[in-house]
C-alpha atoms as a PDB file:
ATOM      1  CA  MET A   1      12.109  17.979   4.446  1.00  0.00           C
ATOM      2  CA  ASN A   2       9.375  16.931   6.858  1.00  0.00           C
ATOM      3  CA  ARG A   3       9.015  14.271   9.559  1.00  0.00           C
ATOM      4  CA  VAL A   4       8.368  11.448   7.090  1.00  0.00           C
ATOM      5  CA  THR A   5      11.343  12.186   4.830  1.00  0.00           C
ATOM      6  CA  GLU A   6      13.560  12.683   7.879  1.00  0.00           C
ATOM      7  CA  LEU A   7      12.357   9.468   9.530  1.00  0.00           C
ATOM      8  CA  PHE A   8      13.119   7.294   6.522  1.00  0.00           C
ATOM      9  CA  GLY A   9      16.010   9.275   5.027  1.00  0.00           C
ATOM     10  CA  ILE A  10      14.270   9.823   1.680  1.00  0.00           C
ATOM     11  CA  LYS A  11      13.962  12.772  -0.722  1.00  0.00           C
ATOM     12  CA  TYR A  12      10.197  12.752  -1.296  1.00  0.00           C
ATOM     13  CA  PRO A  13       7.421  11.700   1.140  1.00  0.00           C
ATOM     14  CA  ILE A  14       6.194   9.112  -1.364  1.00  0.00           C
ATOM     15  CA  ILE A  15       6.038   5.473  -0.218  1.00  0.00           C
ATOM     16  CA  GLN A  16       5.326   2.616  -2.613  1.00  0.00           C
ATOM     17  CA  GLY A  17       2.915   0.143  -1.084  1.00  0.00           C
ATOM     18  CA  GLY A  18       4.306  -3.320  -0.332  1.00  0.00           C
ATOM     19  CA  MET A  19       1.671  -5.241  -2.281  1.00  0.00           C
ATOM     20  CA  VAL A  20       1.494  -9.028  -2.488  1.00  0.00           C
ATOM     21  CA  TRP A  21       2.594 -10.413  -5.877  1.00  0.00           C
ATOM     22  CA  CYS A  22       3.326  -6.895  -7.131  1.00  0.00           C
ATOM     23  CA  SER A  23       6.206  -5.509  -5.056  1.00  0.00           C
ATOM     24  CA  GLY A  24       9.472  -7.301  -5.668  1.00  0.00           C
ATOM     25  CA  TRP A  25      13.003  -5.952  -5.493  1.00  0.00           C
ATOM     26  CA  GLU A  26      12.863  -4.377  -8.966  1.00  0.00           C
ATOM     27  CA  LEU A  27       9.959  -2.096  -8.091  1.00  0.00           C
ATOM     28  CA  ALA A  28      11.227  -1.291  -4.596  1.00  0.00           C
ATOM     29  CA  SER A  29      14.714  -0.358  -5.805  1.00  0.00           C
ATOM     30  CA  ALA A  30      13.361   1.734  -8.705  1.00  0.00           C
ATOM     31  CA  VAL A  31      11.132   3.780  -6.391  1.00  0.00           C
ATOM     32  CA  SER A  32      13.934   4.240  -3.876  1.00  0.00           C
ATOM     33  CA  ASN A  33      16.383   5.278  -6.585  1.00  0.00           C
ATOM     34  CA  ALA A  34      13.866   7.907  -7.719  1.00  0.00           C
ATOM     35  CA  GLY A  35      13.725   9.473  -4.244  1.00  0.00           C
ATOM     36  CA  GLY A  36      10.743   7.723  -2.684  1.00  0.00           C
ATOM     37  CA  LEU A  37      10.649   4.750  -0.348  1.00  0.00           C
ATOM     38  CA  GLY A  38      10.319   1.373  -2.033  1.00  0.00           C
ATOM     39  CA  LEU A  39       8.853  -1.550  -0.114  1.00  0.00           C
ATOM     40  CA  ILE A  40       9.268  -5.256  -0.823  1.00  0.00           C
ATOM     41  CA  GLY A  41       5.945  -7.031  -0.286  1.00  0.00           C
ATOM     42  CA  ALA A  42       6.721 -10.052   1.889  1.00  0.00           C
ATOM     43  CA  GLY A  43       3.103 -11.235   1.926  1.00  0.00           C
ATOM     44  CA  SER A  44       3.547 -13.464  -1.112  1.00  0.00           C
ATOM     45  CA  MET A  45       7.080 -14.638  -0.316  1.00  0.00           C
ATOM     46  CA  SER A  46       8.621 -17.472   1.647  1.00  0.00           C
ATOM     47  CA  PRO A  47      11.341 -16.347   4.081  1.00  0.00           C
ATOM     48  CA  GLU A  48      14.115 -17.478   1.732  1.00  0.00           C
ATOM     49  CA  MET A  49      12.489 -15.810  -1.255  1.00  0.00           C
ATOM     50  CA  LEU A  50      12.274 -12.613   0.787  1.00  0.00           C
ATOM     51  CA  ARG A  51      15.982 -12.921   1.597  1.00  0.00           C
ATOM     52  CA  ALA A  52      16.786 -13.174  -2.112  1.00  0.00           C
ATOM     53  CA  HIS A  53      14.716 -10.056  -2.877  1.00  0.00           C
ATOM     54  CA  ILE A  54      16.394  -8.096  -0.073  1.00  0.00           C
ATOM     55  CA  LEU A  55      19.862  -9.017  -1.334  1.00  0.00           C
ATOM     56  CA  LYS A  56      18.974  -8.052  -4.922  1.00  0.00           C
ATOM     57  CA  CYS A  57      17.454  -4.784  -3.727  1.00  0.00           C
ATOM     58  CA  LYS A  58      20.669  -3.923  -1.894  1.00  0.00           C
ATOM     59  CA  GLU A  59      22.598  -4.505  -5.104  1.00  0.00           C
ATOM     60  CA  ALA A  60      20.194  -2.334  -7.115  1.00  0.00           C
ATOM     61  CA  THR A  61      20.057   0.691  -4.786  1.00  0.00           C
ATOM     62  CA  ASP A  62      22.097   2.408  -2.106  1.00  0.00           C
ATOM     63  CA  LYS A  63      19.012   4.338  -1.001  1.00  0.00           C
ATOM     64  CA  PRO A  64      16.698   3.394   1.892  1.00  0.00           C
ATOM     65  CA  PHE A  65      14.102   0.704   1.240  1.00  0.00           C
ATOM     66  CA  GLY A  66      11.894  -1.407   3.471  1.00  0.00           C
ATOM     67  CA  VAL A  67       9.766  -4.537   3.750  1.00  0.00           C
ATOM     68  CA  ASN A  68       6.011  -4.774   4.229  1.00  0.00           C
ATOM     69  CA  VAL A  69       4.989  -7.652   6.508  1.00  0.00           C
ATOM     70  CA  PRO A  70       1.350  -8.727   7.013  1.00  0.00           C
ATOM     71  CA  LEU A  71       1.144  -9.858  10.641  1.00  0.00           C
ATOM     72  CA  LEU A  72      -1.141 -12.777   9.765  1.00  0.00           C
ATOM     73  CA  PHE A  73       1.788 -14.708   8.268  1.00  0.00           C
ATOM     74  CA  SER A  74       2.044 -18.417   9.025  1.00  0.00           C
ATOM     75  CA  HIS A  75       5.851 -18.151   9.028  1.00  0.00           C
ATOM     76  CA  LEU A  76       6.133 -14.775  10.725  1.00  0.00           C
ATOM     77  CA  GLN A  77       9.049 -15.603  13.020  1.00  0.00           C
ATOM     78  CA  GLU A  78      11.191 -16.855  10.147  1.00  0.00           C
ATOM     79  CA  THR A  79      10.341 -13.749   8.106  1.00  0.00           C
ATOM     80  CA  MET A  80      11.306 -11.402  10.933  1.00  0.00           C
ATOM     81  CA  LYS A  81      14.568 -13.305  11.405  1.00  0.00           C
ATOM     82  CA  VAL A  82      15.438 -12.775   7.732  1.00  0.00           C
ATOM     83  CA  ILE A  83      14.694  -9.053   8.067  1.00  0.00           C
ATOM     84  CA  VAL A  84      16.967  -8.751  11.094  1.00  0.00           C
ATOM     85  CA  ASP A  85      19.709 -10.969   9.634  1.00  0.00           C
ATOM     86  CA  GLU A  86      19.802  -8.930   6.418  1.00  0.00           C
ATOM     87  CA  ASP A  87      19.887  -5.633   8.313  1.00  0.00           C
ATOM     88  CA  VAL A  88      16.710  -4.144   6.850  1.00  0.00           C
ATOM     89  CA  LYS A  89      16.228  -0.687   8.367  1.00  0.00           C
ATOM     90  CA  ILE A  90      12.509  -0.082   7.714  1.00  0.00           C
ATOM     91  CA  VAL A  91       9.476  -2.346   8.209  1.00  0.00           C
ATOM     92  CA  PHE A  92       5.820  -1.591   7.489  1.00  0.00           C
ATOM     93  CA  THR A  93       3.462  -3.981   9.251  1.00  0.00           C
ATOM     94  CA  SER A  94      -0.219  -4.542   8.544  1.00  0.00           C
ATOM     95  CA  GLY A  95      -3.136  -6.861   9.195  1.00  0.00           C
ATOM     96  CA  GLY A  96      -2.604  -7.504  12.909  1.00  0.00           C
ATOM     97  CA  LYS A  97      -1.867  -6.023  16.312  1.00  0.00           C
ATOM     98  CA  PRO A  98       0.964  -3.468  16.197  1.00  0.00           C
ATOM     99  CA  ASP A  99       2.212  -4.379  19.677  1.00  0.00           C
ATOM    100  CA  LEU A 100       3.103  -7.942  18.623  1.00  0.00           C
ATOM    101  CA  TRP A 101       6.375  -7.093  16.860  1.00  0.00           C
ATOM    102  CA  THR A 102       7.005  -3.357  17.231  1.00  0.00           C
ATOM    103  CA  SER A 103       9.222  -3.604  20.325  1.00  0.00           C
ATOM    104  CA  PHE A 104      11.184  -6.493  18.832  1.00  0.00           C
ATOM    105  CA  LEU A 105      11.880  -4.548  15.637  1.00  0.00           C
ATOM    106  CA  LYS A 106      12.666  -1.250  17.342  1.00  0.00           C
ATOM    107  CA  ASP A 107      15.080  -2.995  19.703  1.00  0.00           C
ATOM    108  CA  LYS A 108      16.964  -4.022  16.545  1.00  0.00           C
ATOM    109  CA  GLY A 109      17.170  -0.391  15.408  1.00  0.00           C
ATOM    110  CA  ILE A 110      14.436  -0.797  12.774  1.00  0.00           C
ATOM    111  CA  LYS A 111      11.965   1.998  11.950  1.00  0.00           C
ATOM    112  CA  VAL A 112       8.381   0.705  12.154  1.00  0.00           C
ATOM    113  CA  ALA A 113       5.184   1.940  10.504  1.00  0.00           C
ATOM    114  CA  HIS A 114       1.827   0.201  10.798  1.00  0.00           C
ATOM    115  CA  VAL A 115      -1.157   0.335   8.438  1.00  0.00           C
ATOM    116  CA  VAL A 116      -4.601   1.011   9.946  1.00  0.00           C
ATOM    117  CA  PRO A 117      -8.158   1.648   8.655  1.00  0.00           C
ATOM    118  CA  GLY A 118      -9.370   3.758  11.580  1.00  0.00           C
ATOM    119  CA  ALA A 119      -8.428   6.288  14.262  1.00  0.00           C
ATOM    120  CA  LYS A 120      -8.865   3.907  17.210  1.00  0.00           C
ATOM    121  CA  TYR A 121      -6.301   1.570  15.654  1.00  0.00           C
ATOM    122  CA  ALA A 122      -3.954   4.499  15.048  1.00  0.00           C
ATOM    123  CA  ALA A 123      -4.093   5.306  18.768  1.00  0.00           C
ATOM    124  CA  LYS A 124      -3.125   1.702  19.547  1.00  0.00           C
ATOM    125  CA  CYS A 125      -0.193   2.037  17.159  1.00  0.00           C
ATOM    126  CA  GLU A 126       1.067   5.145  18.923  1.00  0.00           C
ATOM    127  CA  ALA A 127       0.728   3.393  22.285  1.00  0.00           C
ATOM    128  CA  ALA A 128       2.664   0.415  20.899  1.00  0.00           C
ATOM    129  CA  GLY A 129       5.561   2.709  19.979  1.00  0.00           C
ATOM    130  CA  VAL A 130       5.474   2.673  16.185  1.00  0.00           C
ATOM    131  CA  ASP A 131       7.378   5.463  14.440  1.00  0.00           C
ATOM    132  CA  ALA A 132       4.612   6.311  11.947  1.00  0.00           C
ATOM    133  CA  VAL A 133       1.063   5.346  11.042  1.00  0.00           C
ATOM    134  CA  VAL A 134      -0.297   4.664   7.559  1.00  0.00           C
ATOM    135  CA  ALA A 135      -4.011   5.482   7.549  1.00  0.00           C
ATOM    136  CA  GLU A 136      -5.602   3.643   4.621  1.00  0.00           C
ATOM    137  CA  GLY A 137      -9.024   4.634   3.345  1.00  0.00           C
ATOM    138  CA  PHE A 138     -11.858   2.616   1.805  1.00  0.00           C
ATOM    139  CA  GLU A 139     -10.657   3.436  -1.725  1.00  0.00           C
ATOM    140  CA  ALA A 140      -7.528   1.307  -1.371  1.00  0.00           C
ATOM    141  CA  GLY A 141      -6.969  -1.961  -3.163  1.00  0.00           C
ATOM    142  CA  GLY A 142      -6.362  -5.279  -1.448  1.00  0.00           C
ATOM    143  CA  HIS A 143      -7.510  -5.912   2.108  1.00  0.00           C
ATOM    144  CA  ASN A 144      -9.483  -3.084   3.599  1.00  0.00           C
ATOM    145  CA  GLY A 145     -11.072  -1.948   6.853  1.00  0.00           C
ATOM    146  CA  ARG A 146     -14.541  -3.081   7.870  1.00  0.00           C
ATOM    147  CA  GLU A 147     -15.475   0.499   8.752  1.00  0.00           C
ATOM    148  CA  GLU A 148     -15.325   1.541   5.070  1.00  0.00           C
ATOM    149  CA  THR A 149     -14.091   5.016   6.009  1.00  0.00           C
ATOM    150  CA  THR A 150     -12.940   7.044   3.019  1.00  0.00           C
ATOM    151  CA  THR A 151      -9.508   8.655   2.962  1.00  0.00           C
ATOM    152  CA  PHE A 152     -10.951  12.188   3.065  1.00  0.00           C
ATOM    153  CA  CYS A 153     -12.736  11.392   6.337  1.00  0.00           C
ATOM    154  CA  LEU A 154     -10.047   9.130   7.769  1.00  0.00           C
ATOM    155  CA  ILE A 155      -6.972  11.367   7.568  1.00  0.00           C
ATOM    156  CA  PRO A 156      -8.244  14.368   9.592  1.00  0.00           C
ATOM    157  CA  LYS A 157      -9.709  12.018  12.209  1.00  0.00           C
ATOM    158  CA  VAL A 158      -6.425  10.162  12.623  1.00  0.00           C
ATOM    159  CA  ARG A 159      -4.498  13.438  12.612  1.00  0.00           C
ATOM    160  CA  GLU A 160      -6.421  14.712  15.613  1.00  0.00           C
ATOM    161  CA  THR A 161      -5.916  11.360  17.368  1.00  0.00           C
ATOM    162  CA  ILE A 162      -2.141  10.878  17.146  1.00  0.00           C
ATOM    163  CA  LYS A 163       0.970  13.025  17.350  1.00  0.00           C
ATOM    164  CA  ILE A 164       3.410  10.789  15.465  1.00  0.00           C
ATOM    165  CA  PRO A 165       3.999  11.080  11.678  1.00  0.00           C
ATOM    166  CA  LEU A 166       0.961  10.223   9.555  1.00  0.00           C
ATOM    167  CA  ILE A 167       1.036   8.750   6.050  1.00  0.00           C
ATOM    168  CA  ALA A 168      -2.134   8.733   3.932  1.00  0.00           C
ATOM    169  CA  ALA A 169      -3.148   5.837   1.686  1.00  0.00           C
ATOM    170  CA  GLY A 170      -6.178   4.858  -0.365  1.00  0.00           C
ATOM    171  CA  GLY A 171      -7.187   6.355  -3.703  1.00  0.00           C
ATOM    172  CA  ILE A 172      -4.019   8.436  -4.092  1.00  0.00           C
ATOM    173  CA  THR A 173      -2.532   8.159  -7.573  1.00  0.00           C
ATOM    174  CA  GLY A 174      -1.067  11.597  -8.271  1.00  0.00           C
ATOM    175  CA  GLY A 175       0.358  14.797  -6.874  1.00  0.00           C
ATOM    176  CA  ARG A 176      -2.955  16.623  -6.533  1.00  0.00           C
ATOM    177  CA  ALA A 177      -4.346  13.876  -4.322  1.00  0.00           C
ATOM    178  CA  MET A 178      -1.072  13.913  -2.410  1.00  0.00           C
ATOM    179  CA  LEU A 179      -1.471  17.647  -1.741  1.00  0.00           C
ATOM    180  CA  ALA A 180      -5.075  17.133  -0.628  1.00  0.00           C
ATOM    181  CA  ALA A 181      -3.971  14.425   1.809  1.00  0.00           C
ATOM    182  CA  MET A 182      -1.298  16.688   3.254  1.00  0.00           C
ATOM    183  CA  VAL A 183      -3.743  19.572   3.642  1.00  0.00           C
ATOM    184  CA  LEU A 184      -5.882  17.182   5.681  1.00  0.00           C
ATOM    185  CA  GLY A 185      -2.972  16.411   8.000  1.00  0.00           C
ATOM    186  CA  ALA A 186      -0.831  13.727   6.382  1.00  0.00           C
ATOM    187  CA  GLU A 187       2.922  14.173   6.086  1.00  0.00           C
ATOM    188  CA  GLY A 188       3.402  11.680   3.298  1.00  0.00           C
ATOM    189  CA  VAL A 189       1.514   9.252   1.090  1.00  0.00           C
ATOM    190  CA  GLN A 190       1.622   5.523   0.450  1.00  0.00           C
ATOM    191  CA  ILE A 191       0.654   4.603  -3.103  1.00  0.00           C
ATOM    192  CA  GLY A 192      -0.057   1.103  -4.340  1.00  0.00           C
ATOM    193  CA  THR A 193      -2.346   1.020  -7.375  1.00  0.00           C
ATOM    194  CA  ARG A 194      -0.334   3.559  -9.393  1.00  0.00           C
ATOM    195  CA  PHE A 195       2.815   1.470  -8.987  1.00  0.00           C
ATOM    196  CA  VAL A 196       1.067  -1.722 -10.108  1.00  0.00           C
ATOM    197  CA  ALA A 197       0.957  -0.070 -13.534  1.00  0.00           C
ATOM    198  CA  SER A 198       4.740   0.228 -13.716  1.00  0.00           C
ATOM    199  CA  TRP A 199       7.378  -1.541 -15.781  1.00  0.00           C
ATOM    200  CA  GLU A 200       9.110  -2.895 -12.698  1.00  0.00           C
ATOM    201  CA  CYS A 201       6.039  -4.243 -10.919  1.00  0.00           C
ATOM    202  CA  SER A 202       6.315  -8.029 -10.603  1.00  0.00           C
ATOM    203  CA  ALA A 203       2.635  -8.623 -11.448  1.00  0.00           C
ATOM    204  CA  ASN A 204       1.564 -10.355 -14.633  1.00  0.00           C
ATOM    205  CA  ALA A 205       1.440  -8.115 -17.731  1.00  0.00           C
ATOM    206  CA  GLY A 206      -2.175  -9.121 -18.377  1.00  0.00           C
ATOM    207  CA  PHE A 207      -3.176  -7.964 -14.904  1.00  0.00           C
ATOM    208  CA  LYS A 208      -1.395  -4.630 -15.398  1.00  0.00           C
ATOM    209  CA  GLN A 209      -3.251  -4.080 -18.653  1.00  0.00           C
ATOM    210  CA  LYS A 210      -6.551  -4.919 -16.983  1.00  0.00           C
ATOM    211  CA  VAL A 211      -5.754  -2.323 -14.306  1.00  0.00           C
ATOM    212  CA  VAL A 212      -5.143   0.535 -16.742  1.00  0.00           C
ATOM    213  CA  GLU A 213      -8.315  -0.407 -18.646  1.00  0.00           C
ATOM    214  CA  CYS A 214     -10.410  -0.163 -15.468  1.00  0.00           C
ATOM    215  CA  GLU A 215     -13.289   2.319 -15.665  1.00  0.00           C
ATOM    216  CA  GLU A 216     -15.063   4.169 -12.861  1.00  0.00           C
ATOM    217  CA  GLY A 217     -16.948   1.588 -10.810  1.00  0.00           C
ATOM    218  CA  GLY A 218     -14.671  -1.186 -12.054  1.00  0.00           C
ATOM    219  CA  THR A 219     -13.766  -2.309  -8.541  1.00  0.00           C
ATOM    220  CA  VAL A 220     -15.855  -3.477  -5.600  1.00  0.00           C
ATOM    221  CA  LEU A 221     -15.293  -4.268  -1.922  1.00  0.00           C
ATOM    222  CA  ALA A 222     -16.157  -7.925  -1.366  1.00  0.00           C
ATOM    223  CA  LEU A 223     -15.607 -10.912   0.931  1.00  0.00           C
ATOM    224  CA  LYS A 224     -16.671  -8.910   3.975  1.00  0.00           C
ATOM    225  CA  LYS A 225     -17.527 -12.062   5.934  1.00  0.00           C
ATOM    226  CA  LEU A 226     -13.877 -13.155   5.626  1.00  0.00           C
ATOM    227  CA  ALA A 227     -11.553 -10.174   5.286  1.00  0.00           C
ATOM    228  CA  PRO A 228     -12.825  -7.241   3.181  1.00  0.00           C
ATOM    229  CA  VAL A 229     -10.861  -6.921  -0.052  1.00  0.00           C
ATOM    230  CA  ARG A 230     -11.264  -4.555  -3.011  1.00  0.00           C
ATOM    231  CA  LEU A 231     -11.391  -6.512  -6.254  1.00  0.00           C
ATOM    232  CA  LEU A 232     -11.320  -5.714  -9.935  1.00  0.00           C
ATOM    233  CA  ARG A 233     -14.534  -6.966 -11.498  1.00  0.00           C
ATOM    234  CA  ASN A 234     -14.082 -10.267 -13.351  1.00  0.00           C
ATOM    235  CA  LYS A 235     -15.656 -13.751 -13.447  1.00  0.00           C
ATOM    236  CA  PHE A 236     -14.366 -14.668  -9.973  1.00  0.00           C
ATOM    237  CA  CYS A 237     -15.589 -11.368  -8.517  1.00  0.00           C
ATOM    238  CA  ALA A 238     -19.022 -11.930 -10.055  1.00  0.00           C
ATOM    239  CA  GLU A 239     -19.176 -15.371  -8.448  1.00  0.00           C
ATOM    240  CA  VAL A 240     -18.287 -13.851  -5.070  1.00  0.00           C
ATOM    241  CA  LEU A 241     -20.946 -11.149  -5.374  1.00  0.00           C
ATOM    242  CA  GLU A 242     -23.557 -13.685  -6.447  1.00  0.00           C
ATOM    243  CA  LEU A 243     -22.798 -15.897  -3.440  1.00  0.00           C
ATOM    244  CA  GLU A 244     -22.874 -12.909  -1.099  1.00  0.00           C
ATOM    245  CA  SER A 245     -26.217 -11.759  -2.503  1.00  0.00           C
ATOM    246  CA  ARG A 246     -27.644 -15.167  -1.535  1.00  0.00           C
ATOM    247  CA  GLY A 247     -26.356 -14.796   2.010  1.00  0.00           C
ATOM    248  CA  ALA A 248     -23.483 -17.264   1.685  1.00  0.00           C
ATOM    249  CA  THR A 249     -21.705 -18.308   4.857  1.00  0.00           C
ATOM    250  CA  ALA A 250     -18.050 -17.618   5.541  1.00  0.00           C
ATOM    251  CA  GLU A 251     -17.378 -21.304   4.952  1.00  0.00           C
ATOM    252  CA  GLU A 252     -18.973 -21.179   1.485  1.00  0.00           C
ATOM    253  CA  LEU A 253     -16.950 -18.109   0.564  1.00  0.00           C
ATOM    254  CA  THR A 254     -13.762 -19.736   1.847  1.00  0.00           C
ATOM    255  CA  GLN A 255     -14.463 -22.763  -0.334  1.00  0.00           C
ATOM    256  CA  LEU A 256     -14.910 -20.544  -3.407  1.00  0.00           C
ATOM    257  CA  LEU A 257     -11.782 -18.585  -2.614  1.00  0.00           C
ATOM    258  CA  GLY A 258      -9.679 -21.716  -2.231  1.00  0.00           C
ATOM    259  CA  LYS A 259      -5.888 -21.427  -2.025  1.00  0.00           C
ATOM    260  CA  GLY A 260      -3.586 -19.248  -4.076  1.00  0.00           C
ATOM    261  CA  ARG A 261      -6.406 -17.343  -5.773  1.00  0.00           C
ATOM    262  CA  ALA A 262      -4.570 -13.967  -5.641  1.00  0.00           C
ATOM    263  CA  GLY A 263      -1.348 -15.433  -7.029  1.00  0.00           C
ATOM    264  CA  LYS A 264      -3.346 -17.161  -9.752  1.00  0.00           C
ATOM    265  CA  GLY A 265      -4.739 -13.836 -10.924  1.00  0.00           C
ATOM    266  CA  MET A 266      -2.161 -11.147 -10.268  1.00  0.00           C
ATOM    267  CA  PHE A 267       1.030 -13.165 -10.746  1.00  0.00           C
ATOM    268  CA  GLU A 268       0.110 -16.048 -13.048  1.00  0.00           C
ATOM    269  CA  GLY A 269      -2.278 -14.002 -15.173  1.00  0.00           C
ATOM    270  CA  ASP A 270      -5.576 -15.912 -14.952  1.00  0.00           C
ATOM    271  CA  ILE A 271      -7.560 -12.724 -15.449  1.00  0.00           C
ATOM    272  CA  GLU A 272     -11.033 -14.261 -15.204  1.00  0.00           C
ATOM    273  CA  ASN A 273     -10.630 -16.835 -12.436  1.00  0.00           C
ATOM    274  CA  GLY A 274      -8.018 -15.093 -10.304  1.00  0.00           C
ATOM    275  CA  GLU A 275      -8.452 -12.670  -7.402  1.00  0.00           C
ATOM    276  CA  LEU A 276      -7.449  -9.284  -8.839  1.00  0.00           C
ATOM    277  CA  GLU A 277      -6.821  -6.803  -6.028  1.00  0.00           C
ATOM    278  CA  ILE A 278      -6.662  -3.123  -6.984  1.00  0.00           C
ATOM    279  CA  GLY A 279      -7.855   0.264  -5.732  1.00  0.00           C
ATOM    280  CA  GLN A 280     -10.473   2.686  -7.027  1.00  0.00           C
ATOM    281  CA  GLY A 281      -7.672   4.897  -8.341  1.00  0.00           C
ATOM    282  CA  ALA A 282      -7.170   2.447 -11.222  1.00  0.00           C
ATOM    283  CA  SER A 283      -9.774   4.358 -13.239  1.00  0.00           C
ATOM    284  CA  LEU A 284      -7.465   7.404 -13.190  1.00  0.00           C
ATOM    285  CA  LEU A 285      -4.482   5.645 -14.740  1.00  0.00           C
ATOM    286  CA  LYS A 286      -3.493   6.296 -18.335  1.00  0.00           C
ATOM    287  CA  GLY A 287      -0.722   3.807 -18.971  1.00  0.00           C
ATOM    288  CA  ILE A 288       2.111   1.590 -17.744  1.00  0.00           C
ATOM    289  CA  LEU A 289       5.244   3.640 -17.034  1.00  0.00           C
ATOM    290  CA  PRO A 290       8.698   3.244 -15.456  1.00  0.00           C
ATOM    291  CA  ALA A 291       8.449   3.547 -11.653  1.00  0.00           C
ATOM    292  CA  GLY A 292      10.969   6.391 -11.559  1.00  0.00           C
ATOM    293  CA  GLU A 293       8.898   8.353 -14.044  1.00  0.00           C
ATOM    294  CA  ILE A 294       5.831   7.778 -11.880  1.00  0.00           C
ATOM    295  CA  VAL A 295       7.614   9.162  -8.792  1.00  0.00           C
ATOM    296  CA  ASP A 296       8.779  12.223 -10.754  1.00  0.00           C
ATOM    297  CA  SER A 297       5.302  12.882 -12.167  1.00  0.00           C
ATOM    298  CA  ILE A 298       3.678  12.618  -8.738  1.00  0.00           C
ATOM    299  CA  TRP A 299       6.154  15.050  -7.227  1.00  0.00           C
ATOM    300  CA  ASN A 300       5.991  17.545 -10.108  1.00  0.00           C
ATOM    301  CA  GLU A 301       2.191  17.460 -10.070  1.00  0.00           C
ATOM    302  CA  PHE A 302       2.286  18.052  -6.305  1.00  0.00           C
ATOM    303  CA  LEU A 303       4.512  21.112  -6.755  1.00  0.00           C
ATOM    304  CA  GLN A 304       2.319  22.485  -9.544  1.00  0.00           C
ATOM    305  CA  ALA A 305      -0.847  21.979  -7.520  1.00  0.00           C
ATOM    306  CA  ARG A 306       0.722  23.622  -4.482  1.00  0.00           C
ATOM    307  CA  LYS A 307       1.708  26.610  -6.611  1.00  0.00           C
ATOM    308  CA  GLU A 308      -1.807  26.911  -8.044  1.00  0.00           C
ATOM    309  CA  ILE A 309      -3.386  26.780  -4.590  1.00  0.00           C
ATOM    310  CA  SER A 310      -0.958  29.390  -3.303  1.00  0.00           C
ATOM    311  CA  GLU A 311      -1.791  31.715  -6.200  1.00  0.00           C
ATOM    312  CA  ALA A 312      -5.526  31.126  -5.742  1.00  0.00           C
ATOM    313  CA  GLY A 313      -5.190  31.910  -2.040  1.00  0.00           C
ATOM    314  CA  ALA A 314      -3.358  35.120  -2.817  1.00  0.00           C
ATOM    315  CA  GLN A 315      -6.125  36.199  -5.221  1.00  0.00           C
ATOM    316  CA  LEU A 316      -8.816  35.467  -2.646  1.00  0.00           C
ATOM    317  CA  GLY A 317      -6.942  37.475  -0.059  1.00  0.00           C
ATOM    318  CA  SER A 318      -6.401  40.501  -2.252  1.00  0.00           C
END
């Protein structure tokens, strides 16, 4: 047990990222049942849809689970009301100022973690009173930090900046990467991309297949004039890169992006014209597996790697 497992009441310090279009109640409950912390991704849900997912998750697991809430929601107040009404115990916030809702949630007895791309934002989180920080590196899928700091550089910097529990994210798909993150100062990991390639993920099957077929260099950080997002290379991504290479304005990029582009790709399965958000770790994936099996494999690989490092250390010291 460490501070992260104790904080959330879970067996393993493995958190499933609350990804838009990918993280419904089936995935969250499966991860929680396996000993990790499952998160429902509220970013692609109306308040009433979120309520339905919370209720189904409660039926599917008696273990702790949480909700991820992007703080740029248009219906944020209604979403927070649903979370409080349905007695959700854990909320991960992202994409906004941590002091906007942290006090409100903590006053309701809810544990709060906030996702950041840099150490200065982590310090603001600690000052705002969050219970834990998720430091997410440049390798991560979806929306990313403008600083483009990699996880290996980010985690030790955040660790020396804050005293509260630290969770590493970005490019982590297995137990060896989890061990590396913890050596650098993290006390747990948040994993998104690996859980996209799971049976229970709510994303379209065509998108999942595209993810596991991704090769090294198959993703790119784009749309930096709007909000940086890591995309799987496809026709839409190529159009974005071409516009950006010509110095397109934010307005031109917004027009290309349009509305519902991420849902069109990841949920509806328009693989060429949709916005396919995924992390660099996709190139490491070998197949689509049950979420519980993924949690077990991550943990067992972590234990094996820790054993190997311990034995190597003993040999060096002899």
